[in-house]
Amino acid sequence: MTQHWQTLSFDELDRDELYDILALRAQVFIVEQNSPYLDPDGVDRQAMHMLYREDGRLLAYQRLIGPGIKYPECSIGRIVVHPDLRGRQMGRELVRRGIEHNRSAWPGVDICISAQSHLQDFYGAFGFIGEGELYDEDGIPHRKMRLPA
């Protein structure tokens, strides 16, 4: 089995990579979670994109967002693992790598996320702290969480 991690800017993504990213995000966030929303939100062009492939197949993804784009702080988001890979701790590895990337790219800057409410404990294990009340994002309860620098 060939395993491959990549972190690319939007301009470095080829059309097949972009297609695979949008397909995986739609499969999980729109179809599986039954949450119809406009996924291309204008942030992709400004983000870095972390992809994980096995034998050429995209199985995990997240975007890494600099300060001042979504929040005054940097962010990670659109964190997604293909259903076939669940139970193998890939979500933890993906978040760990995202934190590591952002800490390196923007040292001394907090990381903020919009976490689905049922994943607060998952993100809390990395040190993220909930802020404010729950809010609705695309029909799913979310909470802002922060990982202090």
N, C-alpha and C. Protein backbone atom coordinates (compact mmCIF):
# COMPACT_ATOMS: atom_id res chain seq x y z
N MET A 1 0.84 -1.18 0.00
CA MET A 1 0.00 0.00 0.00
C MET A 1 0.89 1.24 0.00
N THR A 2 0.63 2.14 -0.92
CA THR A 2 1.37 3.40 -1.01
C THR A 2 0.60 4.48 -0.27
N GLN A 3 1.27 5.12 0.71
CA GLN A 3 0.67 6.19 1.49
C GLN A 3 1.39 7.49 1.16
N HIS A 4 0.61 8.57 1.06
CA HIS A 4 1.21 9.83 0.62
C HIS A 4 0.50 11.02 1.26
N TRP A 5 1.26 11.88 1.95
CA TRP A 5 0.76 13.13 2.50
C TRP A 5 1.25 14.27 1.62
N GLN A 6 0.40 15.26 1.39
CA GLN A 6 0.78 16.47 0.66
C GLN A 6 0.13 17.68 1.32
N THR A 7 0.82 18.80 1.29
CA THR A 7 0.24 20.07 1.68
C THR A 7 0.51 21.03 0.54
N LEU A 8 -0.57 21.52 -0.08
CA LEU A 8 -0.47 22.31 -1.30
C LEU A 8 -1.29 23.59 -1.19
N SER A 9 -0.82 24.63 -1.86
CA SER A 9 -1.64 25.83 -2.00
C SER A 9 -2.73 25.55 -3.03
N PHE A 10 -3.72 26.41 -3.10
CA PHE A 10 -4.79 26.25 -4.08
C PHE A 10 -4.21 26.21 -5.50
N ASP A 11 -3.26 27.09 -5.78
CA ASP A 11 -2.67 27.15 -7.12
C ASP A 11 -1.87 25.91 -7.47
N GLU A 12 -1.42 25.18 -6.46
CA GLU A 12 -0.65 23.95 -6.72
C GLU A 12 -1.54 22.73 -6.94
N LEU A 13 -2.82 22.82 -6.57
CA LEU A 13 -3.73 21.70 -6.79
C LEU A 13 -4.00 21.54 -8.27
N ASP A 14 -3.95 20.30 -8.76
CA ASP A 14 -4.36 20.10 -10.15
C ASP A 14 -5.88 19.82 -10.15
N ARG A 15 -6.45 19.76 -11.32
CA ARG A 15 -7.91 19.63 -11.39
C ARG A 15 -8.41 18.34 -10.78
N ASP A 16 -7.65 17.24 -10.90
CA ASP A 16 -8.08 15.97 -10.30
C ASP A 16 -8.03 16.03 -8.78
N GLU A 17 -7.00 16.67 -8.23
CA GLU A 17 -6.92 16.82 -6.78
C GLU A 17 -8.08 17.67 -6.26
N LEU A 18 -8.37 18.78 -6.94
CA LEU A 18 -9.48 19.63 -6.54
C LEU A 18 -10.80 18.87 -6.62
N TYR A 19 -10.98 18.11 -7.68
CA TYR A 19 -12.20 17.31 -7.84
C TYR A 19 -12.33 16.32 -6.68
N ASP A 20 -11.24 15.61 -6.36
CA ASP A 20 -11.26 14.63 -5.28
C ASP A 20 -11.59 15.28 -3.94
N ILE A 21 -11.02 16.45 -3.69
CA ILE A 21 -11.30 17.18 -2.45
C ILE A 21 -12.78 17.53 -2.35
N LEU A 22 -13.31 18.13 -3.40
CA LEU A 22 -14.71 18.55 -3.37
C LEU A 22 -15.64 17.34 -3.28
N ALA A 23 -15.28 16.23 -3.93
CA ALA A 23 -16.10 15.03 -3.87
C ALA A 23 -16.11 14.44 -2.46
N LEU A 24 -14.95 14.37 -1.80
CA LEU A 24 -14.89 13.83 -0.44
C LEU A 24 -15.65 14.73 0.53
N ARG A 25 -15.45 16.03 0.41
CA ARG A 25 -16.17 16.94 1.30
C ARG A 25 -17.68 16.82 1.09
N ALA A 26 -18.13 16.73 -0.16
CA ALA A 26 -19.56 16.59 -0.43
C ALA A 26 -20.10 15.26 0.09
N GLN A 27 -19.33 14.18 -0.10
CA GLN A 27 -19.77 12.86 0.37
C GLN A 27 -20.04 12.86 1.87
N VAL A 28 -19.16 13.47 2.64
CA VAL A 28 -19.29 13.43 4.10
C VAL A 28 -20.15 14.58 4.63
N PHE A 29 -19.80 15.82 4.28
CA PHE A 29 -20.46 16.96 4.89
C PHE A 29 -21.86 17.22 4.35
N ILE A 30 -22.11 16.93 3.08
CA ILE A 30 -23.42 17.23 2.50
C ILE A 30 -24.32 15.99 2.49
N VAL A 31 -23.81 14.87 1.93
CA VAL A 31 -24.65 13.68 1.79
C VAL A 31 -24.77 12.93 3.12
N GLU A 32 -23.64 12.49 3.68
CA GLU A 32 -23.68 11.68 4.90
C GLU A 32 -24.31 12.43 6.06
N GLN A 33 -23.94 13.71 6.23
CA GLN A 33 -24.46 14.49 7.35
C GLN A 33 -25.78 15.19 7.01
N ASN A 34 -26.28 14.96 5.81
CA ASN A 34 -27.56 15.51 5.38
C ASN A 34 -27.64 17.01 5.67
N SER A 35 -26.64 17.74 5.19
CA SER A 35 -26.54 19.17 5.45
C SER A 35 -26.28 19.91 4.14
N PRO A 36 -27.34 20.20 3.38
CA PRO A 36 -27.12 20.91 2.13
C PRO A 36 -26.63 22.34 2.38
N TYR A 37 -25.44 22.63 1.88
CA TYR A 37 -24.87 23.96 2.04
C TYR A 37 -23.89 24.18 0.89
N LEU A 38 -23.52 25.42 0.65
CA LEU A 38 -22.58 25.75 -0.40
C LEU A 38 -21.17 25.56 0.14
N ASP A 39 -20.54 24.47 -0.23
CA ASP A 39 -19.21 24.13 0.28
C ASP A 39 -18.13 25.10 -0.21
N PRO A 40 -18.04 25.38 -1.52
CA PRO A 40 -17.03 26.37 -1.95
C PRO A 40 -17.40 27.75 -1.42
N ASP A 41 -16.70 28.18 -0.37
CA ASP A 41 -17.07 29.38 0.37
C ASP A 41 -16.12 30.55 0.17
N GLY A 42 -15.22 30.44 -0.80
CA GLY A 42 -14.29 31.52 -1.06
C GLY A 42 -13.00 31.41 -0.27
N VAL A 43 -12.92 30.51 0.68
CA VAL A 43 -11.74 30.37 1.51
C VAL A 43 -10.70 29.45 0.86
N ASP A 44 -11.13 28.51 0.06
CA ASP A 44 -10.21 27.53 -0.54
C ASP A 44 -9.04 28.20 -1.27
N ARG A 45 -9.32 29.27 -1.98
CA ARG A 45 -8.26 29.94 -2.76
C ARG A 45 -7.15 30.52 -1.88
N GLN A 46 -7.49 30.82 -0.61
CA GLN A 46 -6.53 31.44 0.30
C GLN A 46 -5.90 30.44 1.28
N ALA A 47 -6.36 29.20 1.25
CA ALA A 47 -5.93 28.20 2.22
C ALA A 47 -4.84 27.29 1.66
N MET A 48 -4.17 26.61 2.57
CA MET A 48 -3.33 25.47 2.21
C MET A 48 -4.21 24.24 2.37
N HIS A 49 -3.90 23.20 1.60
CA HIS A 49 -4.73 22.00 1.56
C HIS A 49 -3.88 20.79 1.88
N MET A 50 -4.24 20.09 2.96
CA MET A 50 -3.51 18.89 3.35
C MET A 50 -4.31 17.67 2.92
N LEU A 51 -3.66 16.82 2.13
CA LEU A 51 -4.31 15.64 1.58
C LEU A 51 -3.57 14.38 2.01
N TYR A 52 -4.33 13.32 2.27
CA TYR A 52 -3.74 12.02 2.55
C TYR A 52 -4.34 11.02 1.57
N ARG A 53 -3.44 10.33 0.84
CA ARG A 53 -3.87 9.33 -0.14
C ARG A 53 -3.29 7.97 0.19
N GLU A 54 -4.05 6.95 -0.12
CA GLU A 54 -3.56 5.58 -0.12
C GLU A 54 -3.82 5.03 -1.50
N ASP A 55 -2.76 4.51 -2.12
CA ASP A 55 -2.86 3.97 -3.48
C ASP A 55 -3.58 4.93 -4.42
N GLY A 56 -3.28 6.22 -4.28
CA GLY A 56 -3.83 7.25 -5.16
C GLY A 56 -5.21 7.75 -4.78
N ARG A 57 -5.85 7.13 -3.82
CA ARG A 57 -7.22 7.48 -3.44
C ARG A 57 -7.20 8.47 -2.27
N LEU A 58 -7.90 9.60 -2.40
CA LEU A 58 -7.97 10.59 -1.33
C LEU A 58 -8.85 10.06 -0.21
N LEU A 59 -8.25 9.93 1.00
CA LEU A 59 -8.97 9.36 2.13
C LEU A 59 -9.06 10.31 3.33
N ALA A 60 -8.28 11.38 3.33
CA ALA A 60 -8.37 12.35 4.43
C ALA A 60 -7.91 13.70 3.89
N TYR A 61 -8.47 14.75 4.49
CA TYR A 61 -8.22 16.10 3.97
C TYR A 61 -8.54 17.13 5.06
N GLN A 62 -7.87 18.26 4.99
CA GLN A 62 -8.23 19.45 5.77
C GLN A 62 -7.63 20.67 5.10
N ARG A 63 -8.22 21.82 5.43
CA ARG A 63 -7.60 23.05 4.96
C ARG A 63 -7.01 23.80 6.14
N LEU A 64 -5.92 24.48 5.85
CA LEU A 64 -5.12 25.20 6.83
C LEU A 64 -5.19 26.67 6.45
N ILE A 65 -5.70 27.48 7.36
CA ILE A 65 -6.10 28.83 7.02
C ILE A 65 -5.33 29.84 7.86
N GLY A 66 -4.74 30.80 7.20
CA GLY A 66 -3.93 31.81 7.86
C GLY A 66 -4.76 32.81 8.64
N PRO A 67 -4.08 33.57 9.49
CA PRO A 67 -4.76 34.61 10.27
C PRO A 67 -5.44 35.64 9.37
N GLY A 68 -6.59 36.13 9.83
CA GLY A 68 -7.28 37.19 9.13
C GLY A 68 -8.17 36.73 7.99
N ILE A 69 -8.31 35.42 7.79
CA ILE A 69 -9.16 34.93 6.69
C ILE A 69 -10.53 34.53 7.23
N LYS A 70 -10.58 33.59 8.15
CA LYS A 70 -11.84 33.20 8.80
C LYS A 70 -11.97 33.85 10.17
N TYR A 71 -10.85 33.90 10.86
CA TYR A 71 -10.77 34.47 12.21
C TYR A 71 -9.55 35.39 12.23
N PRO A 72 -9.44 36.25 13.26
CA PRO A 72 -8.19 37.00 13.40
C PRO A 72 -7.00 36.04 13.57
N GLU A 73 -7.27 34.86 14.17
CA GLU A 73 -6.25 33.84 14.37
C GLU A 73 -6.19 32.92 13.14
N CYS A 74 -5.25 31.98 13.14
CA CYS A 74 -5.24 30.97 12.08
C CYS A 74 -6.27 29.89 12.42
N SER A 75 -6.50 28.99 11.48
CA SER A 75 -7.56 28.00 11.66
C SER A 75 -7.24 26.72 10.90
N ILE A 76 -7.90 25.65 11.30
CA ILE A 76 -7.96 24.43 10.50
C ILE A 76 -9.44 24.14 10.30
N GLY A 77 -9.78 23.53 9.18
CA GLY A 77 -11.18 23.27 8.92
C GLY A 77 -11.39 22.31 7.79
N ARG A 78 -12.68 22.02 7.54
CA ARG A 78 -13.08 21.03 6.55
C ARG A 78 -12.30 19.71 6.79
N ILE A 79 -12.15 19.38 8.07
CA ILE A 79 -11.41 18.18 8.48
C ILE A 79 -12.29 16.98 8.18
N VAL A 80 -11.84 16.12 7.29
CA VAL A 80 -12.69 15.03 6.83
C VAL A 80 -11.87 13.76 6.60
N VAL A 81 -12.45 12.64 7.03
CA VAL A 81 -11.86 11.32 6.82
C VAL A 81 -12.89 10.48 6.08
N HIS A 82 -12.46 9.82 5.02
CA HIS A 82 -13.34 8.95 4.25
C HIS A 82 -13.91 7.86 5.16
N PRO A 83 -15.19 7.50 5.01
CA PRO A 83 -15.78 6.46 5.85
C PRO A 83 -14.97 5.16 5.88
N ASP A 84 -14.32 4.80 4.78
CA ASP A 84 -13.54 3.56 4.72
C ASP A 84 -12.33 3.57 5.65
N LEU A 85 -11.90 4.75 6.09
CA LEU A 85 -10.70 4.87 6.91
C LEU A 85 -11.01 5.11 8.39
N ARG A 86 -12.27 5.23 8.72
CA ARG A 86 -12.64 5.53 10.11
C ARG A 86 -12.29 4.35 11.01
N GLY A 87 -11.95 4.69 12.25
CA GLY A 87 -11.56 3.67 13.21
C GLY A 87 -10.06 3.39 13.20
N ARG A 88 -9.33 4.07 12.35
CA ARG A 88 -7.88 3.88 12.26
C ARG A 88 -7.11 5.07 12.83
N GLN A 89 -7.79 5.94 13.57
CA GLN A 89 -7.18 7.10 14.22
C GLN A 89 -6.68 8.16 13.22
N MET A 90 -7.18 8.11 11.99
CA MET A 90 -6.74 9.07 10.98
C MET A 90 -7.18 10.48 11.32
N GLY A 91 -8.35 10.64 11.93
CA GLY A 91 -8.79 11.98 12.33
C GLY A 91 -7.81 12.62 13.30
N ARG A 92 -7.32 11.85 14.24
CA ARG A 92 -6.34 12.36 15.19
C ARG A 92 -5.04 12.74 14.49
N GLU A 93 -4.60 11.89 13.58
CA GLU A 93 -3.36 12.18 12.85
C GLU A 93 -3.52 13.44 12.00
N LEU A 94 -4.67 13.58 11.38
CA LEU A 94 -4.94 14.74 10.53
C LEU A 94 -4.91 16.03 11.36
N VAL A 95 -5.60 16.04 12.49
CA VAL A 95 -5.63 17.23 13.34
C VAL A 95 -4.24 17.52 13.90
N ARG A 96 -3.53 16.48 14.32
CA ARG A 96 -2.17 16.67 14.84
C ARG A 96 -1.29 17.34 13.78
N ARG A 97 -1.37 16.86 12.55
CA ARG A 97 -0.57 17.44 11.46
C ARG A 97 -1.02 18.87 11.15
N GLY A 98 -2.32 19.14 11.22
CA GLY A 98 -2.81 20.49 10.98
C GLY A 98 -2.30 21.47 12.02
N ILE A 99 -2.34 21.06 13.28
CA ILE A 99 -1.82 21.90 14.36
C ILE A 99 -0.34 22.16 14.14
N GLU A 100 0.39 21.10 13.84
CA GLU A 100 1.84 21.22 13.61
C GLU A 100 2.14 22.19 12.46
N HIS A 101 1.38 22.08 11.38
CA HIS A 101 1.58 22.99 10.24
C HIS A 101 1.33 24.44 10.64
N ASN A 102 0.20 24.68 11.31
CA ASN A 102 -0.15 26.05 11.67
C ASN A 102 0.82 26.63 12.69
N ARG A 103 1.28 25.82 13.63
CA ARG A 103 2.26 26.29 14.61
C ARG A 103 3.56 26.70 13.91
N SER A 104 3.92 25.96 12.87
CA SER A 104 5.14 26.28 12.12
C SER A 104 4.94 27.50 11.22
N ALA A 105 3.80 27.56 10.54
CA ALA A 105 3.55 28.66 9.60
C ALA A 105 3.26 29.98 10.30
N TRP A 106 2.57 29.92 11.45
CA TRP A 106 2.17 31.13 12.17
C TRP A 106 2.49 30.97 13.65
N PRO A 107 3.77 30.96 14.00
CA PRO A 107 4.15 30.75 15.40
C PRO A 107 3.59 31.86 16.30
N GLY A 108 3.19 31.45 17.50
CA GLY A 108 2.69 32.41 18.47
C GLY A 108 1.26 32.85 18.23
N VAL A 109 0.57 32.21 17.28
CA VAL A 109 -0.81 32.59 16.95
C VAL A 109 -1.75 31.46 17.40
N ASP A 110 -2.84 31.83 18.08
CA ASP A 110 -3.85 30.84 18.47
C ASP A 110 -4.44 30.20 17.22
N ILE A 111 -5.00 29.00 17.40
CA ILE A 111 -5.72 28.31 16.32
C ILE A 111 -7.18 28.24 16.73
N CYS A 112 -8.08 28.76 15.90
CA CYS A 112 -9.51 28.71 16.16
C CYS A 112 -10.19 27.79 15.17
N ILE A 113 -11.20 27.08 15.65
CA ILE A 113 -11.98 26.20 14.78
C ILE A 113 -13.46 26.38 15.07
N SER A 114 -14.27 25.98 14.12
CA SER A 114 -15.71 25.87 14.30
C SER A 114 -15.99 24.37 14.37
N ALA A 115 -16.15 23.85 15.59
CA ALA A 115 -16.26 22.40 15.79
C ALA A 115 -17.72 21.96 15.88
N GLN A 116 -18.04 20.87 15.21
CA GLN A 116 -19.36 20.29 15.42
C GLN A 116 -19.46 19.94 16.91
N SER A 117 -20.59 20.24 17.51
CA SER A 117 -20.71 20.13 18.97
C SER A 117 -20.40 18.74 19.49
N HIS A 118 -20.73 17.71 18.75
CA HIS A 118 -20.48 16.35 19.23
C HIS A 118 -18.98 15.99 19.20
N LEU A 119 -18.16 16.85 18.61
CA LEU A 119 -16.72 16.60 18.54
C LEU A 119 -15.91 17.46 19.51
N GLN A 120 -16.58 18.14 20.43
CA GLN A 120 -15.86 19.01 21.37
C GLN A 120 -14.84 18.24 22.21
N ASP A 121 -15.19 17.06 22.67
CA ASP A 121 -14.25 16.28 23.46
C ASP A 121 -13.05 15.83 22.62
N PHE A 122 -13.32 15.47 21.37
CA PHE A 122 -12.24 15.08 20.45
C PHE A 122 -11.23 16.22 20.34
N TYR A 123 -11.70 17.43 20.04
CA TYR A 123 -10.79 18.57 19.90
C TYR A 123 -10.21 18.99 21.25
N GLY A 124 -10.99 18.82 22.32
CA GLY A 124 -10.51 19.13 23.65
C GLY A 124 -9.27 18.31 24.02
N ALA A 125 -9.17 17.09 23.49
CA ALA A 125 -8.01 16.24 23.77
C ALA A 125 -6.72 16.84 23.19
N PHE A 126 -6.84 17.74 22.23
CA PHE A 126 -5.68 18.43 21.66
C PHE A 126 -5.39 19.74 22.39
N GLY A 127 -6.26 20.11 23.32
CA GLY A 127 -6.08 21.36 24.06
C GLY A 127 -7.01 22.47 23.63
N PHE A 128 -7.90 22.22 22.65
CA PHE A 128 -8.86 23.24 22.24
C PHE A 128 -9.85 23.48 23.38
N ILE A 129 -10.20 24.74 23.58
CA ILE A 129 -11.11 25.16 24.64
C ILE A 129 -12.33 25.82 23.99
N GLY A 130 -13.52 25.39 24.40
CA GLY A 130 -14.75 25.95 23.86
C GLY A 130 -14.94 27.39 24.28
N GLU A 131 -15.51 28.17 23.37
CA GLU A 131 -15.81 29.58 23.64
C GLU A 131 -17.24 29.87 23.24
N GLY A 132 -17.94 30.57 24.09
CA GLY A 132 -19.29 31.02 23.75
C GLY A 132 -20.29 29.87 23.70
N GLU A 133 -21.44 30.21 23.17
CA GLU A 133 -22.56 29.27 23.11
C GLU A 133 -22.52 28.47 21.81
N LEU A 134 -23.31 27.41 21.77
CA LEU A 134 -23.50 26.65 20.53
C LEU A 134 -24.22 27.54 19.52
N TYR A 135 -23.94 27.32 18.25
CA TYR A 135 -24.61 28.04 17.18
C TYR A 135 -24.86 27.07 16.03
N ASP A 136 -25.81 27.42 15.20
CA ASP A 136 -26.16 26.59 14.05
C ASP A 136 -25.27 26.97 12.88
N GLU A 137 -24.64 25.98 12.30
CA GLU A 137 -23.88 26.19 11.07
C GLU A 137 -24.30 25.10 10.10
N ASP A 138 -25.01 25.49 9.06
CA ASP A 138 -25.47 24.56 8.03
C ASP A 138 -26.35 23.45 8.60
N GLY A 139 -27.17 23.79 9.61
CA GLY A 139 -28.10 22.82 10.18
C GLY A 139 -27.50 21.90 11.22
N ILE A 140 -26.24 22.13 11.62
CA ILE A 140 -25.56 21.29 12.60
C ILE A 140 -25.05 22.18 13.73
N PRO A 141 -25.30 21.79 15.00
CA PRO A 141 -24.79 22.60 16.12
C PRO A 141 -23.25 22.61 16.13
N HIS A 142 -22.69 23.80 16.27
CA HIS A 142 -21.24 24.00 16.31
C HIS A 142 -20.88 24.86 17.52
N ARG A 143 -19.60 24.85 17.84
CA ARG A 143 -19.07 25.72 18.88
C ARG A 143 -17.69 26.18 18.47
N LYS A 144 -17.42 27.45 18.67
CA LYS A 144 -16.08 27.96 18.43
C LYS A 144 -15.15 27.40 19.50
N MET A 145 -13.97 26.95 19.07
CA MET A 145 -12.97 26.44 20.00
C MET A 145 -11.64 27.05 19.65
N ARG A 146 -10.81 27.22 20.68
CA ARG A 146 -9.51 27.88 20.50
C ARG A 146 -8.41 27.02 21.12
N LEU A 147 -7.30 26.91 20.40
CA LEU A 147 -6.09 26.29 20.93
C LEU A 147 -5.09 27.42 21.15
N PRO A 148 -4.83 27.76 22.41
CA PRO A 148 -3.91 28.86 22.67
C PRO A 148 -2.51 28.59 22.13
N ALA A 149 -1.85 29.65 21.71
CA ALA A 149 -0.49 29.53 21.15
C ALA A 149 0.48 29.00 22.19
